[in-house]
Amino acid sequence: MAATNTGNSSPPPATPAPLPPALLEQYLDALLAGHPPPPTHKTSVDFGLLHAIASPDTFLHDKARRVLEVMNVMDRWRLARLVDDVAAPARAMVKERFAPFQVGMLPEDFAGTPARDYASGARLFAAGDEAQEAFLVESGRILISKNGRPVAQLGRNEFFGNLPFLLPVQRTADAFALEPTRVRVLAKEAYLAKFKSYSPRRQADEFQLAHVMLRQLILGLARYDSTVKVLVDYLFPDMTRSEQAEALQRWIEHFTQGAGLTEARLYGLFNLLELLDRELLLLAHLDHAGAEAIAKVRQQQGILRGVAACGLRQAPTGLEVFTRPPQFCRLAEQNAAWLTSAPASLDVVCLPEFLWPREGSRRALLTEADARTLAQRLQPQSWLYVAAPPGSPLLPVLRQAGLFAGMIVPGLYALSPAGPPKDLPPPEASPVEKKSGASWREKLQSWWRK
């Protein structure tokens, strides 16, 4: 996944020439109607909107306010990055008028925070660490990497590491200093003290922005260079990048809607995928390891067979989630939660097929006895997700254990002990085939045979 930042600023764009008032008014009308400007005029319209909010023209000012009131948090977050680039003397008025619509952290939030120096090559944090600080680059450069893969480089006046301030997620990447670097450090406690002084609307906007960022991080799994094998390629090995992105999007929708967990608990799916992602290097090593190395891993921690969440449905929302956070656990063959946990204790389980290989050093089969034990550990309204190609032996074993299966997309299935999933077709049927008959691949194969 991508880095853990929710608000790193980008290099300031060149301030465009102001739009003629009549043209700006037309663009504002289009925005009110839900029509975004063309990409070639996007920056001009953004700066025009900021100038309009501070305009002495009451009609233009009121229209700009209406645009901001209906604008989604992601667009307002991007717009807030441009406020400091408005030329003086209009900048002060723009800041004042835009303040009620502000969302997201700003470099000025780091004012007065302590400085910290890092030598070239020093690591600021690692994936899986608890997040207690956010960082603003004052000088030097920072590399964000994921499992050894470069994700982003950050420079002066860019900040990162603040996503876990509002959501119970750990660091998802590593951060290194590429050269001697000085950063400003904002403690989580200091940010939360300021957060509690925000208006109810601003607090709701900040949470919504964090959820949008989580969605983007999950969907970012399908945006890596195809030459690098990452988690999404293990989950959906036979899909194209666009199909992988669609599968992840459908998974998010089912998790937050069909699974009844709501958008506020999207961090549950995010943490499950992070647990899987962190194990990939070890699993790749075990595929080619000798018997001694395999035996050592089995003895110490067990080979991963799935991941699960406990207490996710009962976890409070908002900042109170940090007082009673849900538990996320690895299901290993030697210390499996389906063998050691209490009955009806698991909320969500992810049991992808690549963790149950039928050949190689990690070869394993899910027995009917273990599947029945796992089914007993699921809460009545829980969900078990299986990422597997059609015809996988995992599905019949789980269904024989008393779980009812539905297909989110071909290759991704949701199973529940509560009965057949609503609004999901059975695994044998594809929603594409239901709507349009045979898929385009099947039609092409049929034509070729003829």
Protein backbone atom coordinates (compact mmCIF):
# COMPACT_ATOMS: atom_id res chain seq x y z
CA MET A 1 0.00 0.00 0.00
CA ALA A 2 0.95 3.59 -0.23
CA ALA A 3 2.50 5.70 2.47
CA THR A 4 0.76 6.64 5.68
CA ASN A 5 0.39 10.35 4.99
CA THR A 6 -2.99 12.04 4.62
CA GLY A 7 -1.81 15.51 3.82
CA ASN A 8 1.58 15.85 2.25
CA SER A 9 1.54 19.08 0.30
CA SER A 10 2.64 19.20 -3.32
CA PRO A 11 4.91 21.71 -5.08
CA PRO A 12 2.95 24.94 -5.52
CA PRO A 13 1.48 25.37 -8.99
CA ALA A 14 2.21 28.40 -11.05
CA THR A 15 -0.50 30.95 -10.28
CA PRO A 16 -2.59 31.26 -13.45
CA ALA A 17 -3.94 34.44 -14.93
CA PRO A 18 -7.31 35.41 -13.39
CA LEU A 19 -10.42 34.33 -15.25
CA PRO A 20 -12.77 36.98 -16.62
CA PRO A 21 -15.63 37.48 -14.11
CA ALA A 22 -18.30 36.28 -16.55
CA LEU A 23 -16.37 33.08 -17.34
CA LEU A 24 -15.66 32.44 -13.65
CA GLU A 25 -19.37 32.80 -12.86
CA GLN A 26 -20.17 30.22 -15.54
CA TYR A 27 -17.69 27.79 -14.01
CA LEU A 28 -19.16 28.34 -10.53
CA ASP A 29 -22.63 27.58 -11.91
CA ALA A 30 -21.24 24.40 -13.47
CA LEU A 31 -19.68 23.36 -10.14
CA LEU A 32 -23.01 23.91 -8.38
CA ALA A 33 -24.61 21.64 -10.96
CA GLY A 34 -21.98 18.96 -10.29
CA HIS A 35 -19.93 19.47 -13.45
CA PRO A 36 -16.15 19.76 -12.89
CA PRO A 37 -14.12 22.09 -15.10
CA PRO A 38 -11.97 20.66 -17.90
CA PRO A 39 -8.47 19.63 -16.78
CA THR A 40 -6.88 22.47 -18.77
CA HIS A 41 -8.81 25.05 -16.71
CA LYS A 42 -8.82 23.23 -13.36
CA THR A 43 -6.08 25.33 -11.72
CA SER A 44 -7.53 28.59 -13.04
CA VAL A 45 -10.97 27.70 -11.66
CA ASP A 46 -9.50 26.69 -8.29
CA PHE A 47 -7.73 30.02 -7.86
CA GLY A 48 -10.78 31.81 -9.23
CA LEU A 49 -12.94 30.15 -6.58
CA LEU A 50 -10.53 31.23 -3.85
CA HIS A 51 -10.55 34.83 -5.09
CA ALA A 52 -14.34 34.73 -5.37
CA ILE A 53 -14.73 33.72 -1.72
CA ALA A 54 -12.88 36.93 -0.77
CA SER A 55 -14.54 39.10 -3.43
CA PRO A 56 -16.25 42.36 -2.39
CA ASP A 57 -18.93 41.43 -4.94
CA THR A 58 -21.64 39.99 -2.67
CA PHE A 59 -23.27 37.98 -5.47
CA LEU A 60 -19.98 36.33 -6.49
CA HIS A 61 -18.97 35.76 -2.86
CA ASP A 62 -22.28 34.07 -1.99
CA LYS A 63 -22.08 31.82 -5.04
CA ALA A 64 -18.53 30.78 -4.11
CA ARG A 65 -19.71 29.92 -0.58
CA ARG A 66 -22.48 27.73 -1.99
CA VAL A 67 -19.91 25.90 -4.13
CA LEU A 68 -17.71 25.23 -1.09
CA GLU A 69 -20.69 24.07 0.97
CA VAL A 70 -21.50 21.29 -1.51
CA MET A 71 -17.89 20.44 -2.39
CA ASN A 72 -16.65 17.06 -1.16
CA VAL A 73 -13.90 16.92 1.47
CA MET A 74 -11.24 15.66 -0.94
CA ASP A 75 -11.71 18.62 -3.30
CA ARG A 76 -11.72 21.06 -0.36
CA TRP A 77 -8.57 19.42 0.97
CA ARG A 78 -6.83 19.96 -2.37
CA LEU A 79 -8.13 23.52 -2.52
CA ALA A 80 -6.78 24.27 0.97
CA ARG A 81 -3.28 23.43 -0.32
CA LEU A 82 -3.52 26.41 -2.68
CA VAL A 83 -4.53 29.10 -0.18
CA ASP A 84 -0.95 30.03 0.67
CA ASP A 85 -0.18 30.44 -3.03
CA VAL A 86 -2.74 33.23 -3.48
CA ALA A 87 -0.88 36.47 -4.10
CA ALA A 88 -0.89 39.19 -1.44
CA PRO A 89 -2.78 41.24 -0.40
CA ALA A 90 -5.77 38.98 -1.19
CA ARG A 91 -4.22 36.03 0.66
CA ALA A 92 -5.19 37.21 4.16
CA MET A 93 -8.85 37.67 3.21
CA VAL A 94 -8.92 34.33 1.38
CA LYS A 95 -7.58 32.58 4.50
CA GLU A 96 -10.20 34.22 6.69
CA ARG A 97 -13.12 33.46 4.36
CA PHE A 98 -11.96 29.90 3.60
CA ALA A 99 -11.42 28.98 7.27
CA PRO A 100 -14.97 27.57 7.84
CA PHE A 101 -14.37 25.13 4.95
CA GLN A 102 -10.83 24.12 5.93
CA VAL A 103 -10.15 20.39 6.16
CA GLY A 104 -6.91 18.50 6.60
CA MET A 105 -3.61 19.30 8.24
CA LEU A 106 -1.52 22.28 7.09
CA PRO A 107 2.20 23.06 7.40
CA GLU A 108 1.27 25.82 9.84
CA ASP A 109 0.03 23.14 12.26
CA PHE A 110 3.71 22.37 12.85
CA ALA A 111 4.50 25.94 13.98
CA GLY A 112 6.39 25.91 17.27
CA THR A 113 6.94 22.13 17.24
CA PRO A 114 10.38 20.76 18.12
CA ALA A 115 12.95 20.08 15.40
CA ARG A 116 14.72 16.76 14.97
CA ASP A 117 17.74 15.92 12.80
CA TYR A 118 18.32 12.65 10.95
CA ALA A 119 21.51 11.52 9.27
CA SER A 120 21.46 10.23 5.72
CA GLY A 121 20.05 6.69 5.71
CA ALA A 122 18.41 6.97 9.14
CA ARG A 123 14.94 5.45 9.52
CA LEU A 124 12.20 7.61 11.00
CA PHE A 125 9.73 4.75 11.42
CA ALA A 126 8.93 1.28 10.11
CA ALA A 127 5.81 -0.43 8.84
CA GLY A 128 3.86 -1.87 11.75
CA ASP A 129 5.05 0.77 14.27
CA GLU A 130 2.53 2.54 16.45
CA ALA A 131 2.09 6.13 15.27
CA GLN A 132 2.63 8.81 17.89
CA GLU A 133 4.17 11.55 15.70
CA ALA A 134 3.74 13.30 12.37
CA PHE A 135 6.58 14.99 10.52
CA LEU A 136 7.11 18.12 8.41
CA VAL A 137 10.25 18.26 6.27
CA GLU A 138 12.15 21.47 7.00
CA SER A 139 15.24 20.57 4.96
CA GLY A 140 16.50 17.47 3.19
CA ARG A 141 14.52 14.64 1.60
CA ILE A 142 12.50 11.67 2.88
CA LEU A 143 11.92 8.36 1.10
CA ILE A 144 8.69 6.44 1.79
CA SER A 145 9.05 2.76 0.90
CA LYS A 146 6.84 -0.32 1.18
CA ASN A 147 8.47 -3.75 1.47
CA GLY A 148 11.56 -2.33 -0.19
CA ARG A 149 9.58 -0.64 -2.99
CA PRO A 150 9.92 3.16 -3.28
CA VAL A 151 6.49 4.79 -2.94
CA ALA A 152 7.20 8.53 -2.65
CA GLN A 153 9.89 11.14 -2.02
CA LEU A 154 9.06 14.17 0.11
CA GLY A 155 10.88 17.48 0.32
CA ARG A 156 10.71 20.82 2.05
CA ASN A 157 7.35 21.84 3.54
CA GLU A 158 5.78 18.40 2.92
CA PHE A 159 4.37 16.43 5.84
CA PHE A 160 3.52 12.79 6.44
CA GLY A 161 2.64 10.20 9.07
CA ASN A 162 -0.60 11.74 10.38
CA LEU A 163 -3.23 9.24 9.14
CA PRO A 164 -3.08 7.12 12.35
CA PHE A 165 -3.90 10.21 14.42
CA LEU A 166 -7.63 9.70 13.78
CA LEU A 167 -7.90 6.01 12.93
CA PRO A 168 -6.62 2.86 14.70
CA VAL A 169 -4.09 1.88 12.04
CA GLN A 170 -0.36 1.29 12.32
CA ARG A 171 2.39 2.61 10.11
CA THR A 172 1.98 1.11 6.67
CA ALA A 173 5.40 1.96 5.25
CA ASP A 174 9.00 2.77 6.14
CA ALA A 175 10.39 6.34 6.14
CA PHE A 176 14.11 7.03 5.58
CA ALA A 177 16.20 10.18 5.30
CA LEU A 178 17.83 10.26 1.85
CA GLU A 179 20.28 12.95 3.00
CA PRO A 180 20.90 14.92 6.19
CA THR A 181 17.36 15.98 7.05
CA ARG A 182 15.67 18.19 9.62
CA VAL A 183 11.99 17.66 10.41
CA ARG A 184 9.46 19.31 12.68
CA VAL A 185 7.70 16.78 14.91
CA LEU A 186 4.02 17.07 15.86
CA ALA A 187 2.98 14.77 18.71
CA LYS A 188 -0.33 12.95 18.41
CA GLU A 189 -1.50 14.31 21.79
CA ALA A 190 -0.88 17.90 20.64
CA TYR A 191 -2.85 17.34 17.43
CA LEU A 192 -5.78 15.70 19.24
CA ALA A 193 -5.95 18.58 21.72
CA LYS A 194 -6.33 20.96 18.77
CA PHE A 195 -8.75 18.60 17.03
CA LYS A 196 -11.12 18.68 20.01
CA SER A 197 -11.38 22.46 19.64
CA TYR A 198 -12.67 22.16 16.06
CA SER A 199 -16.34 22.67 15.27
CA PRO A 200 -18.49 19.53 14.95
CA ARG A 201 -18.56 20.02 11.18
CA ARG A 202 -14.77 20.27 10.97
CA GLN A 203 -14.34 17.15 13.09
CA ALA A 204 -16.76 15.22 10.87
CA ASP A 205 -14.91 16.46 7.78
CA GLU A 206 -11.57 15.34 9.20
CA PHE A 207 -12.88 11.83 9.88
CA GLN A 208 -14.45 11.68 6.42
CA LEU A 209 -11.16 12.76 4.83
CA ALA A 210 -9.33 10.00 6.74
CA HIS A 211 -11.82 7.42 5.44
CA VAL A 212 -11.38 8.66 1.86
CA MET A 213 -7.61 8.36 2.29
CA LEU A 214 -8.03 4.79 3.55
CA ARG A 215 -10.05 3.93 0.45
CA GLN A 216 -7.30 5.34 -1.73
CA LEU A 217 -4.64 3.36 0.11
CA ILE A 218 -6.58 0.13 -0.39
CA LEU A 219 -7.23 0.84 -4.06
CA GLY A 220 -3.56 1.79 -4.38
CA LEU A 221 -2.80 -1.93 -4.12
CA ALA A 222 -3.84 -2.23 -7.76
CA ARG A 223 -1.77 0.72 -9.00
CA TYR A 224 1.75 -0.60 -8.57
CA ASP A 225 3.93 -1.26 -11.56
CA SER A 226 2.97 -4.64 -12.97
CA THR A 227 6.64 -5.71 -12.93
CA VAL A 228 6.47 -5.85 -9.12
CA LYS A 229 4.45 -8.67 -7.56
CA VAL A 230 2.49 -7.22 -4.65
CA LEU A 231 -0.42 -8.27 -2.46
CA VAL A 232 -3.12 -7.62 -5.05
CA ASP A 233 -1.35 -10.02 -7.44
CA TYR A 234 -1.52 -12.74 -4.81
CA LEU A 235 -5.19 -12.03 -4.07
CA PHE A 236 -6.30 -11.80 -7.72
CA PRO A 237 -3.57 -13.42 -9.85
CA ASP A 238 -5.67 -13.88 -12.98
CA MET A 239 -7.06 -10.33 -13.21
CA THR A 240 -5.89 -7.26 -15.07
CA ARG A 241 -5.02 -4.11 -13.12
CA SER A 242 -8.44 -2.58 -13.83
CA GLU A 243 -10.18 -5.81 -12.78
CA GLN A 244 -8.12 -5.90 -9.59
CA ALA A 245 -9.12 -2.31 -8.81
CA GLU A 246 -12.78 -3.19 -9.41
CA ALA A 247 -12.51 -6.22 -7.12
CA LEU A 248 -11.03 -4.07 -4.35
CA GLN A 249 -13.74 -1.44 -4.83
CA ARG A 250 -16.47 -4.08 -4.61
CA TRP A 251 -14.77 -5.52 -1.54
CA ILE A 252 -14.81 -2.09 0.13
CA GLU A 253 -18.49 -1.60 -0.73
CA HIS A 254 -19.50 -4.98 0.66
CA PHE A 255 -17.40 -4.49 3.78
CA THR A 256 -18.85 -1.08 4.60
CA GLN A 257 -22.42 -1.75 3.44
CA GLY A 258 -23.31 -5.41 3.04
CA ALA A 259 -21.16 -6.38 6.00
CA GLY A 260 -22.92 -3.77 8.12
CA LEU A 261 -19.70 -2.27 9.44
CA THR A 262 -20.20 1.28 8.04
CA GLU A 263 -17.61 3.59 6.54
CA ALA A 264 -16.29 4.48 10.00
CA ARG A 265 -14.89 0.96 10.40
CA LEU A 266 -13.16 0.78 7.03
CA TYR A 267 -9.94 0.59 9.02
CA GLY A 268 -10.91 -3.04 9.71
CA LEU A 269 -10.44 -4.11 6.10
CA PHE A 270 -7.38 -1.88 5.81
CA ASN A 271 -5.70 -3.54 8.81
CA LEU A 272 -6.50 -7.04 7.56
CA LEU A 273 -4.88 -6.31 4.20
CA GLU A 274 -1.90 -4.72 5.97
CA LEU A 275 -1.41 -7.89 8.03
CA LEU A 276 -1.35 -9.93 4.83
CA ASP A 277 0.97 -7.51 3.08
CA ARG A 278 3.53 -7.59 5.89
CA GLU A 279 3.86 -11.38 5.58
CA LEU A 280 4.56 -11.45 1.85
CA LEU A 281 8.35 -11.35 2.13
CA LEU A 282 8.35 -14.21 4.63
CA LEU A 283 5.94 -16.26 2.52
CA ALA A 284 8.03 -15.71 -0.61
CA HIS A 285 11.08 -16.87 1.34
CA LEU A 286 9.30 -19.95 2.66
CA ASP A 287 8.32 -20.99 -0.87
CA HIS A 288 11.99 -21.77 -1.49
CA ALA A 289 13.20 -22.51 2.04
CA GLY A 290 14.56 -25.79 3.31
CA ALA A 291 12.89 -28.11 5.77
CA GLU A 292 14.86 -26.69 8.71
CA ALA A 293 13.72 -23.11 8.05
CA ILE A 294 10.12 -24.25 7.59
CA ALA A 295 10.21 -26.16 10.88
CA LYS A 296 11.64 -23.12 12.69
CA VAL A 297 8.87 -20.82 11.46
CA ARG A 298 6.22 -23.39 12.32
CA GLN A 299 7.62 -23.70 15.82
CA GLN A 300 7.99 -19.96 16.50
CA GLN A 301 4.94 -18.31 14.95
CA GLY A 302 3.29 -20.73 12.56
CA ILE A 303 2.82 -20.29 8.82
CA LEU A 304 0.12 -17.74 8.06
CA ARG A 305 -3.19 -19.20 6.85
CA GLY A 306 -5.51 -16.21 7.35
CA VAL A 307 -6.15 -12.97 9.23
CA ALA A 308 -9.10 -11.98 11.41
CA ALA A 309 -10.64 -9.13 13.39
CA CYS A 310 -12.22 -9.43 16.84
CA GLY A 311 -14.36 -6.76 18.48
CA LEU A 312 -14.74 -4.73 15.30
CA ARG A 313 -18.52 -4.41 15.53
CA GLN A 314 -18.43 -3.45 19.20
CA ALA A 315 -15.62 -0.91 18.77
CA PRO A 316 -16.77 2.69 19.36
CA THR A 317 -16.52 5.28 16.64
CA GLY A 318 -14.60 8.56 16.60
CA LEU A 319 -11.66 9.12 18.93
CA GLU A 320 -13.20 6.75 21.49
CA VAL A 321 -12.08 3.84 19.32
CA PHE A 322 -8.58 4.30 20.75
CA THR A 323 -9.92 3.45 24.23
CA ARG A 324 -11.38 0.11 23.07
CA PRO A 325 -9.70 -0.73 19.77
CA PRO A 326 -10.59 -3.95 17.95
CA GLN A 327 -8.04 -6.75 17.82
CA PHE A 328 -6.50 -7.98 14.58
CA CYS A 329 -4.84 -11.38 14.62
CA ARG A 330 -2.97 -13.71 12.31
CA LEU A 331 -4.41 -17.19 11.90
CA ALA A 332 -1.46 -19.56 11.74
CA GLU A 333 -1.54 -23.33 11.33
CA GLN A 334 0.11 -23.97 14.71
CA ASN A 335 -1.63 -21.32 16.83
CA ALA A 336 -4.77 -20.91 14.77
CA ALA A 337 -7.44 -18.63 16.20
CA TRP A 338 -10.07 -21.12 15.07
CA LEU A 339 -8.49 -23.58 17.52
CA THR A 340 -7.70 -21.24 20.44
CA SER A 341 -10.29 -18.46 20.38
CA ALA A 342 -13.65 -18.51 22.11
CA PRO A 343 -16.74 -19.56 20.11
CA ALA A 344 -18.50 -16.76 18.22
CA SER A 345 -15.64 -14.31 18.75
CA LEU A 346 -14.42 -13.48 15.21
CA ASP A 347 -16.07 -10.57 13.37
CA VAL A 348 -14.29 -10.68 10.02
CA VAL A 349 -11.91 -13.25 8.55
CA CYS A 350 -9.86 -13.13 5.36
CA LEU A 351 -8.79 -16.57 4.13
CA PRO A 352 -7.24 -16.11 0.65
CA GLU A 353 -6.28 -19.15 -1.39
CA PHE A 354 -2.62 -18.16 -1.80
CA LEU A 355 -2.17 -18.91 1.91
CA TRP A 356 -3.29 -22.52 1.25
CA PRO A 357 -0.97 -23.70 -1.55
CA ARG A 358 -1.39 -27.20 -2.88
CA GLU A 359 2.30 -27.58 -3.73
CA GLY A 360 5.63 -26.23 -2.51
CA SER A 361 7.13 -25.95 0.96
CA ARG A 362 4.02 -24.27 2.43
CA ARG A 363 1.63 -26.91 1.07
CA ALA A 364 -1.50 -27.18 3.21
CA LEU A 365 -5.13 -28.19 2.99
CA LEU A 366 -8.03 -26.87 5.06
CA THR A 367 -9.65 -29.94 6.58
CA GLU A 368 -13.38 -30.21 7.14
CA ALA A 369 -12.77 -30.49 10.89
CA ASP A 370 -10.79 -27.23 10.99
CA ALA A 371 -13.40 -25.54 8.76
CA ARG A 372 -16.19 -26.57 11.16
CA THR A 373 -14.17 -25.27 14.12
CA LEU A 374 -13.60 -21.98 12.28
CA ALA A 375 -17.33 -21.69 11.53
CA GLN A 376 -18.06 -22.07 15.25
CA ARG A 377 -15.68 -19.19 16.03
CA LEU A 378 -17.55 -16.79 13.74
CA GLN A 379 -20.16 -14.45 15.14
CA PRO A 380 -23.65 -15.00 13.68
CA GLN A 381 -23.46 -11.80 11.60
CA SER A 382 -19.78 -12.14 10.70
CA TRP A 383 -18.17 -12.44 7.28
CA LEU A 384 -15.44 -14.66 5.94
CA TYR A 385 -13.79 -13.47 2.71
CA VAL A 386 -12.07 -15.86 0.32
CA ALA A 387 -10.02 -14.57 -2.61
CA ALA A 388 -9.74 -17.60 -4.87
CA PRO A 389 -10.30 -18.54 -8.53
CA PRO A 390 -13.57 -20.27 -9.43
CA GLY A 391 -13.35 -23.96 -8.62
CA SER A 392 -11.05 -23.49 -5.63
CA PRO A 393 -11.29 -26.40 -3.15
CA LEU A 394 -11.51 -23.91 -0.29
CA LEU A 395 -15.09 -22.95 -1.09
CA PRO A 396 -16.63 -26.47 -0.97
CA VAL A 397 -14.86 -27.23 2.32
CA LEU A 398 -16.13 -24.03 3.94
CA ARG A 399 -19.65 -24.52 2.60
CA GLN A 400 -19.75 -28.08 3.90
CA ALA A 401 -18.83 -26.62 7.29
CA GLY A 402 -22.14 -24.72 7.32
CA LEU A 403 -21.18 -21.39 5.73
CA PHE A 404 -23.28 -19.80 3.00
CA ALA A 405 -21.36 -18.24 0.11
CA GLY A 406 -22.01 -15.34 -2.24
CA MET A 407 -19.84 -13.89 -4.98
CA ILE A 408 -18.73 -10.24 -4.81
CA VAL A 409 -16.86 -10.55 -8.12
CA PRO A 410 -15.53 -13.69 -9.80
CA GLY A 411 -12.50 -14.53 -7.65
CA LEU A 412 -13.77 -12.87 -4.44
CA TYR A 413 -16.39 -14.51 -2.23
CA ALA A 414 -18.16 -13.62 1.02
CA LEU A 415 -19.31 -16.41 3.34
CA SER A 416 -21.51 -16.15 6.40
CA PRO A 417 -23.04 -18.54 8.94
CA ALA A 418 -26.26 -16.48 8.99
CA GLY A 419 -27.63 -17.63 5.62
CA PRO A 420 -27.15 -16.88 1.93
CA PRO A 421 -25.72 -13.34 1.52
CA LYS A 422 -28.33 -10.88 0.28
CA ASP A 423 -27.74 -9.12 -3.04
CA LEU A 424 -24.85 -11.48 -3.89
CA PRO A 425 -25.21 -14.25 -6.49
CA PRO A 426 -24.03 -17.78 -5.63
CA PRO A 427 -20.43 -18.62 -6.57
CA GLU A 428 -21.48 -20.52 -9.68
CA ALA A 429 -23.11 -17.45 -11.27
CA SER A 430 -21.42 -14.30 -12.49
CA PRO A 431 -23.29 -10.98 -12.33
CA VAL A 432 -21.85 -10.11 -15.75
CA GLU A 433 -23.22 -13.33 -17.23
CA LYS A 434 -26.62 -12.69 -15.63
CA LYS A 435 -26.89 -9.30 -17.29
CA SER A 436 -25.38 -9.93 -20.70
CA GLY A 437 -25.05 -13.67 -21.14
CA ALA A 438 -21.60 -14.95 -21.97
CA SER A 439 -18.60 -12.73 -21.28
CA TRP A 440 -16.72 -11.12 -24.15
CA ARG A 441 -13.90 -13.65 -23.67
CA GLU A 442 -16.33 -16.57 -24.05
CA LYS A 443 -17.95 -14.95 -27.10
CA LEU A 444 -14.54 -14.48 -28.69
CA GLN A 445 -13.54 -18.10 -27.93
CA SER A 446 -16.86 -19.34 -29.39
CA TRP A 447 -16.36 -17.29 -32.56
CA TRP A 448 -12.79 -18.57 -32.91
CA ARG A 449 -13.90 -22.19 -32.58
CA LYS A 450 -16.51 -21.62 -35.29
